[in-house]
Amino acid sequence: MHDIEPYHKWREYYIAANDDKSPFYSIVYDEFSFSNKIYNYFIHPQWDSIGSPSLYVKVLYVDYGIKTAMIELLGEWNDAINNDIMILKRNVIDKLLSNDISKFILFGDNVLNYHGDEDSYYEEWYEDVSDAGGWICFVNFRHHVISEMETINLQYYLLMGNQFNDILWRHKTPNYTIEYINQLINQSTKQLRY
């Protein structure tokens, strides 16, 4: 797992450690020392801890003008034991919400498992963004992870599933990725109306 590093080619557009509105402002990374672990496995030092023993994040890009944040995830999302959604919501999402971010794209390519519990924090997050005209979109989550999320009805709060999987977001610009996902969201919203 130490070889999986957060996507770094958008650093020319945004670095969370340089953004004074970011929950990870002024963090200094040690490129040579591996100290963070998921269970017994060291992970790349560029991942940011949110306070969970099994889930790490990287805020890849934030555009305050269009109120959008893109966050990459690594590990096991475990609400049943660690209450990872509460930790993520309180330590990362609420900070971004307080700076008028209302559209969230979470990349789950490296989320290996999901263990659900209840949906109250997802519902709270959904209400926070929908009041501001926003949304929450989960991109490229594994099929078994999505299936587990659907067992506790997270699809009522999040945009996820087939049309948001297999998106080749790496090697595109952040603005292109946001626009592409916006188009998918608009298409899926139109389909729900008919």
C-alpha atoms as a PDB file:
ATOM      1  CA  MET A   1       0.000   0.000   0.000  1.00  0.00           C
ATOM      2  CA  HIS A   2       2.971   2.315   0.462  1.00  0.00           C
ATOM      3  CA  ASP A   3       3.245   2.567  -3.344  1.00  0.00           C
ATOM      4  CA  ILE A   4      -0.250   4.063  -3.733  1.00  0.00           C
ATOM      5  CA  GLU A   5       0.218   7.791  -3.654  1.00  0.00           C
ATOM      6  CA  PRO A   6      -2.448  10.454  -4.061  1.00  0.00           C
ATOM      7  CA  TYR A   7      -2.814  11.864  -7.542  1.00  0.00           C
ATOM      8  CA  HIS A   8      -0.165  14.565  -7.833  1.00  0.00           C
ATOM      9  CA  LYS A   9      -0.480  16.004 -11.351  1.00  0.00           C
ATOM     10  CA  TRP A  10      -2.976  18.661 -10.253  1.00  0.00           C
ATOM     11  CA  ARG A  11      -0.465  20.248  -7.868  1.00  0.00           C
ATOM     12  CA  GLU A  12       0.143  22.994 -10.419  1.00  0.00           C
ATOM     13  CA  TYR A  13      -3.507  24.009  -9.942  1.00  0.00           C
ATOM     14  CA  TYR A  14      -3.986  23.491  -6.217  1.00  0.00           C
ATOM     15  CA  ILE A  15      -2.137  22.374  -3.075  1.00  0.00           C
ATOM     16  CA  ALA A  16      -4.237  21.975   0.063  1.00  0.00           C
ATOM     17  CA  ALA A  17      -1.263  22.704   2.343  1.00  0.00           C
ATOM     18  CA  ASN A  18      -0.967  26.166   0.720  1.00  0.00           C
ATOM     19  CA  ASP A  19      -4.685  27.026   1.016  1.00  0.00           C
ATOM     20  CA  ASP A  20      -5.457  28.832   4.278  1.00  0.00           C
ATOM     21  CA  LYS A  21      -9.109  27.699   3.992  1.00  0.00           C
ATOM     22  CA  SER A  22      -8.142  24.034   3.732  1.00  0.00           C
ATOM     23  CA  PRO A  23      -8.394  21.608   6.664  1.00  0.00           C
ATOM     24  CA  PHE A  24      -4.812  20.629   5.798  1.00  0.00           C
ATOM     25  CA  TYR A  25      -3.330  24.114   5.618  1.00  0.00           C
ATOM     26  CA  SER A  26       0.390  24.371   6.468  1.00  0.00           C
ATOM     27  CA  ILE A  27       0.989  20.625   6.787  1.00  0.00           C
ATOM     28  CA  VAL A  28       4.589  19.703   6.024  1.00  0.00           C
ATOM     29  CA  TYR A  29       5.130  16.273   4.510  1.00  0.00           C
ATOM     30  CA  ASP A  30       8.145  14.056   5.103  1.00  0.00           C
ATOM     31  CA  GLU A  31       8.805  12.302   1.802  1.00  0.00           C
ATOM     32  CA  PHE A  32      11.260   9.838   3.305  1.00  0.00           C
ATOM     33  CA  SER A  33       9.551   8.663   6.470  1.00  0.00           C
ATOM     34  CA  PHE A  34       6.515   6.390   6.377  1.00  0.00           C
ATOM     35  CA  SER A  35       4.588   6.769   9.620  1.00  0.00           C
ATOM     36  CA  ASN A  36       0.878   6.508   8.738  1.00  0.00           C
ATOM     37  CA  LYS A  37      -0.615   3.027   8.563  1.00  0.00           C
ATOM     38  CA  ILE A  38      -3.829   1.356   7.571  1.00  0.00           C
ATOM     39  CA  TYR A  39      -3.901  -1.634   9.894  1.00  0.00           C
ATOM     40  CA  ASN A  40      -0.358  -3.052   9.641  1.00  0.00           C
ATOM     41  CA  TYR A  41       0.453  -1.543   6.249  1.00  0.00           C
ATOM     42  CA  PHE A  42       2.414   1.673   5.832  1.00  0.00           C
ATOM     43  CA  ILE A  43       0.943   4.145   3.366  1.00  0.00           C
ATOM     44  CA  HIS A  44       2.540   6.876   1.280  1.00  0.00           C
ATOM     45  CA  PRO A  45       3.334   9.969   3.412  1.00  0.00           C
ATOM     46  CA  GLN A  46       1.396  12.330   1.097  1.00  0.00           C
ATOM     47  CA  TRP A  47      -1.982  10.992   2.315  1.00  0.00           C
ATOM     48  CA  ASP A  48      -3.678  13.133   4.953  1.00  0.00           C
ATOM     49  CA  SER A  49      -4.999  11.712   8.189  1.00  0.00           C
ATOM     50  CA  ILE A  50      -8.548  12.620   9.136  1.00  0.00           C
ATOM     51  CA  GLY A  51      -8.357  10.836  12.488  1.00  0.00           C
ATOM     52  CA  SER A  52      -9.520   7.427  11.258  1.00  0.00           C
ATOM     53  CA  PRO A  53      -7.280   4.383  11.587  1.00  0.00           C
ATOM     54  CA  SER A  54      -8.455   3.002   8.235  1.00  0.00           C
ATOM     55  CA  LEU A  55      -9.395   5.911   5.933  1.00  0.00           C
ATOM     56  CA  TYR A  56      -7.098   8.624   4.572  1.00  0.00           C
ATOM     57  CA  VAL A  57      -7.771  11.458   2.144  1.00  0.00           C
ATOM     58  CA  LYS A  58      -6.159  13.966  -0.162  1.00  0.00           C
ATOM     59  CA  VAL A  59      -7.948  17.180  -1.085  1.00  0.00           C
ATOM     60  CA  LEU A  60      -6.846  17.335  -4.713  1.00  0.00           C
ATOM     61  CA  TYR A  61      -8.561  20.504  -5.843  1.00  0.00           C
ATOM     62  CA  VAL A  62     -10.884  23.198  -4.552  1.00  0.00           C
ATOM     63  CA  ASP A  63     -12.445  25.957  -6.639  1.00  0.00           C
ATOM     64  CA  TYR A  64     -14.187  28.458  -4.378  1.00  0.00           C
ATOM     65  CA  GLY A  65     -15.653  30.312  -7.372  1.00  0.00           C
ATOM     66  CA  ILE A  66     -17.705  27.318  -8.503  1.00  0.00           C
ATOM     67  CA  LYS A  67     -18.010  25.942  -4.947  1.00  0.00           C
ATOM     68  CA  THR A  68     -16.494  22.549  -5.794  1.00  0.00           C
ATOM     69  CA  ALA A  69     -14.006  20.267  -4.014  1.00  0.00           C
ATOM     70  CA  MET A  70     -12.447  17.036  -5.263  1.00  0.00           C
ATOM     71  CA  ILE A  71     -11.128  14.579  -2.684  1.00  0.00           C
ATOM     72  CA  GLU A  72      -9.321  11.279  -3.220  1.00  0.00           C
ATOM     73  CA  LEU A  73      -9.681   8.491  -0.638  1.00  0.00           C
ATOM     74  CA  LEU A  74      -7.550   5.535   0.412  1.00  0.00           C
ATOM     75  CA  GLY A  75      -8.308   2.575   2.629  1.00  0.00           C
ATOM     76  CA  GLU A  76     -11.298   0.962   4.237  1.00  0.00           C
ATOM     77  CA  TRP A  77     -14.346   3.138   4.911  1.00  0.00           C
ATOM     78  CA  ASN A  78     -15.681   1.750   8.169  1.00  0.00           C
ATOM     79  CA  ASP A  79     -18.711   3.438   9.682  1.00  0.00           C
ATOM     80  CA  ALA A  80     -19.617   0.383  11.775  1.00  0.00           C
ATOM     81  CA  ILE A  81     -16.510   0.458  13.993  1.00  0.00           C
ATOM     82  CA  ASN A  82     -14.702   3.769  13.370  1.00  0.00           C
ATOM     83  CA  ASN A  83     -17.647   5.997  12.386  1.00  0.00           C
ATOM     84  CA  ASP A  84     -15.542   7.224   9.461  1.00  0.00           C
ATOM     85  CA  ILE A  85     -18.360   9.323   8.015  1.00  0.00           C
ATOM     86  CA  MET A  86     -18.571  11.335  11.246  1.00  0.00           C
ATOM     87  CA  ILE A  87     -14.791  11.805  11.253  1.00  0.00           C
ATOM     88  CA  LEU A  88     -14.745  12.819   7.573  1.00  0.00           C
ATOM     89  CA  LYS A  89     -17.747  15.109   7.975  1.00  0.00           C
ATOM     90  CA  ARG A  90     -16.481  16.905  11.088  1.00  0.00           C
ATOM     91  CA  ASN A  91     -12.777  17.130  10.230  1.00  0.00           C
ATOM     92  CA  VAL A  92     -12.874  17.818   6.478  1.00  0.00           C
ATOM     93  CA  ILE A  93     -16.314  18.382   4.971  1.00  0.00           C
ATOM     94  CA  ASP A  94     -17.591  20.860   7.581  1.00  0.00           C
ATOM     95  CA  LYS A  95     -14.472  23.005   7.093  1.00  0.00           C
ATOM     96  CA  LEU A  96     -15.091  23.106   3.338  1.00  0.00           C
ATOM     97  CA  LEU A  97     -18.808  23.769   3.844  1.00  0.00           C
ATOM     98  CA  SER A  98     -17.943  26.729   6.067  1.00  0.00           C
ATOM     99  CA  ASN A  99     -16.097  28.185   3.074  1.00  0.00           C
ATOM    100  CA  ASP A 100     -19.144  27.850   0.783  1.00  0.00           C
ATOM    101  CA  ILE A 101     -18.187  24.591  -0.919  1.00  0.00           C
ATOM    102  CA  SER A 102     -21.426  22.815  -1.855  1.00  0.00           C
ATOM    103  CA  LYS A 103     -20.342  20.370  -4.580  1.00  0.00           C
ATOM    104  CA  PHE A 104     -18.216  17.408  -3.556  1.00  0.00           C
ATOM    105  CA  ILE A 105     -16.563  14.864  -5.832  1.00  0.00           C
ATOM    106  CA  LEU A 106     -14.988  11.958  -3.961  1.00  0.00           C
ATOM    107  CA  PHE A 107     -12.738   9.574  -5.871  1.00  0.00           C
ATOM    108  CA  GLY A 108     -13.002   6.047  -4.477  1.00  0.00           C
ATOM    109  CA  ASP A 109     -10.601   4.190  -6.780  1.00  0.00           C
ATOM    110  CA  ASN A 110      -8.573   3.214  -3.693  1.00  0.00           C
ATOM    111  CA  VAL A 111     -11.417   2.515  -1.256  1.00  0.00           C
ATOM    112  CA  LEU A 112     -11.048  -1.209  -0.728  1.00  0.00           C
ATOM    113  CA  ASN A 113     -14.079  -1.959   1.477  1.00  0.00           C
ATOM    114  CA  TYR A 114     -17.061  -0.273   3.065  1.00  0.00           C
ATOM    115  CA  HIS A 115     -18.795  -1.232   6.296  1.00  0.00           C
ATOM    116  CA  GLY A 116     -21.991   0.700   6.869  1.00  0.00           C
ATOM    117  CA  ASP A 117     -23.886   1.574   9.976  1.00  0.00           C
ATOM    118  CA  GLU A 118     -26.476   4.340   9.835  1.00  0.00           C
ATOM    119  CA  ASP A 119     -27.113   7.163   7.420  1.00  0.00           C
ATOM    120  CA  SER A 120     -27.578  10.213   9.691  1.00  0.00           C
ATOM    121  CA  TYR A 121     -24.264  11.924   8.808  1.00  0.00           C
ATOM    122  CA  TYR A 122     -24.869  11.308   5.106  1.00  0.00           C
ATOM    123  CA  GLU A 123     -28.323  12.809   5.476  1.00  0.00           C
ATOM    124  CA  GLU A 124     -26.863  15.824   7.298  1.00  0.00           C
ATOM    125  CA  TRP A 125     -24.241  16.295   4.584  1.00  0.00           C
ATOM    126  CA  TYR A 126     -26.926  15.983   1.886  1.00  0.00           C
ATOM    127  CA  GLU A 127     -29.081  18.616   3.599  1.00  0.00           C
ATOM    128  CA  ASP A 128     -26.078  20.943   3.954  1.00  0.00           C
ATOM    129  CA  VAL A 129     -25.282  20.834   0.235  1.00  0.00           C
ATOM    130  CA  SER A 130     -28.807  20.694  -1.172  1.00  0.00           C
ATOM    131  CA  ASP A 131     -29.765  23.817   0.762  1.00  0.00           C
ATOM    132  CA  ALA A 132     -26.945  25.530  -1.181  1.00  0.00           C
ATOM    133  CA  GLY A 133     -27.842  23.979  -4.556  1.00  0.00           C
ATOM    134  CA  GLY A 134     -25.019  21.446  -4.400  1.00  0.00           C
ATOM    135  CA  TRP A 135     -24.513  17.700  -4.463  1.00  0.00           C
ATOM    136  CA  ILE A 136     -22.217  14.841  -3.407  1.00  0.00           C
ATOM    137  CA  CYS A 137     -20.859  12.555  -6.115  1.00  0.00           C
ATOM    138  CA  PHE A 138     -18.892   9.350  -5.498  1.00  0.00           C
ATOM    139  CA  VAL A 139     -16.729   8.512  -8.524  1.00  0.00           C
ATOM    140  CA  ASN A 140     -15.049   5.187  -9.365  1.00  0.00           C
ATOM    141  CA  PHE A 141     -16.033   3.320  -6.226  1.00  0.00           C
ATOM    142  CA  ARG A 142     -15.737  -0.462  -6.551  1.00  0.00           C
ATOM    143  CA  HIS A 143     -18.950  -2.339  -7.270  1.00  0.00           C
ATOM    144  CA  HIS A 144     -18.930  -4.279  -3.986  1.00  0.00           C
ATOM    145  CA  VAL A 145     -18.422  -0.984  -2.102  1.00  0.00           C
ATOM    146  CA  ILE A 146     -21.391   0.604  -3.880  1.00  0.00           C
ATOM    147  CA  SER A 147     -23.516  -2.495  -3.189  1.00  0.00           C
ATOM    148  CA  GLU A 148     -22.715  -2.236   0.507  1.00  0.00           C
ATOM    149  CA  MET A 149     -23.538   1.493   0.499  1.00  0.00           C
ATOM    150  CA  GLU A 150     -26.866   0.780  -1.177  1.00  0.00           C
ATOM    151  CA  THR A 151     -27.820  -1.657   1.597  1.00  0.00           C
ATOM    152  CA  ILE A 152     -28.131   1.334   3.947  1.00  0.00           C
ATOM    153  CA  ASN A 153     -29.742   3.501   1.227  1.00  0.00           C
ATOM    154  CA  LEU A 154     -26.915   5.989   0.684  1.00  0.00           C
ATOM    155  CA  GLN A 155     -28.101   6.404  -2.915  1.00  0.00           C
ATOM    156  CA  TYR A 156     -30.752   8.763  -1.508  1.00  0.00           C
ATOM    157  CA  TYR A 157     -28.024  11.185  -0.429  1.00  0.00           C
ATOM    158  CA  LEU A 158     -25.198  10.582  -2.913  1.00  0.00           C
ATOM    159  CA  LEU A 159     -24.814  10.360  -6.640  1.00  0.00           C
ATOM    160  CA  MET A 160     -23.016   7.087  -7.323  1.00  0.00           C
ATOM    161  CA  GLY A 161     -23.142   3.992  -9.432  1.00  0.00           C
ATOM    162  CA  ASN A 162     -22.674   2.976 -13.039  1.00  0.00           C
ATOM    163  CA  GLN A 163     -22.644   6.368 -14.755  1.00  0.00           C
ATOM    164  CA  PHE A 164     -20.108   7.631 -12.202  1.00  0.00           C
ATOM    165  CA  ASN A 165     -17.784   4.626 -12.472  1.00  0.00           C
ATOM    166  CA  ASP A 166     -14.975   4.005 -14.941  1.00  0.00           C
ATOM    167  CA  ILE A 167     -14.361   7.732 -15.324  1.00  0.00           C
ATOM    168  CA  LEU A 168     -10.847   8.433 -16.576  1.00  0.00           C
ATOM    169  CA  TRP A 169     -10.271  11.527 -14.465  1.00  0.00           C
ATOM    170  CA  ARG A 170      -6.515  11.274 -14.190  1.00  0.00           C
ATOM    171  CA  HIS A 171      -4.667  12.944 -17.071  1.00  0.00           C
ATOM    172  CA  LYS A 172      -7.474  15.503 -17.381  1.00  0.00           C
ATOM    173  CA  THR A 173      -7.481  18.982 -15.901  1.00  0.00           C
ATOM    174  CA  PRO A 174      -9.492  19.632 -12.743  1.00  0.00           C
ATOM    175  CA  ASN A 175     -11.864  21.945 -14.611  1.00  0.00           C
ATOM    176  CA  TYR A 176     -12.448  19.372 -17.342  1.00  0.00           C
ATOM    177  CA  THR A 177     -13.191  16.712 -14.708  1.00  0.00           C
ATOM    178  CA  ILE A 178     -15.639  18.979 -12.880  1.00  0.00           C
ATOM    179  CA  GLU A 179     -17.418  19.900 -16.112  1.00  0.00           C
ATOM    180  CA  TYR A 180     -17.627  16.272 -17.217  1.00  0.00           C
ATOM    181  CA  ILE A 181     -19.094  15.150 -13.888  1.00  0.00           C
ATOM    182  CA  ASN A 182     -21.503  18.101 -13.944  1.00  0.00           C
ATOM    183  CA  GLN A 183     -22.737  16.899 -17.347  1.00  0.00           C
ATOM    184  CA  LEU A 184     -23.249  13.376 -16.008  1.00  0.00           C
ATOM    185  CA  ILE A 185     -25.167  14.758 -13.026  1.00  0.00           C
ATOM    186  CA  ASN A 186     -27.377  16.882 -15.292  1.00  0.00           C
ATOM    187  CA  GLN A 187     -28.074  13.850 -17.507  1.00  0.00           C
ATOM    188  CA  SER A 188     -28.971  11.635 -14.554  1.00  0.00           C
ATOM    189  CA  THR A 189     -31.200  14.370 -13.090  1.00  0.00           C
ATOM    190  CA  LYS A 190     -33.073  14.678 -16.412  1.00  0.00           C
ATOM    191  CA  GLN A 191     -33.574  10.899 -16.533  1.00  0.00           C
ATOM    192  CA  LEU A 192     -35.085  10.938 -13.041  1.00  0.00           C
ATOM    193  CA  ARG A 193     -37.654  13.539 -14.111  1.00  0.00           C
ATOM    194  CA  TYR A 194     -39.127  11.387 -16.891  1.00  0.00           C
END
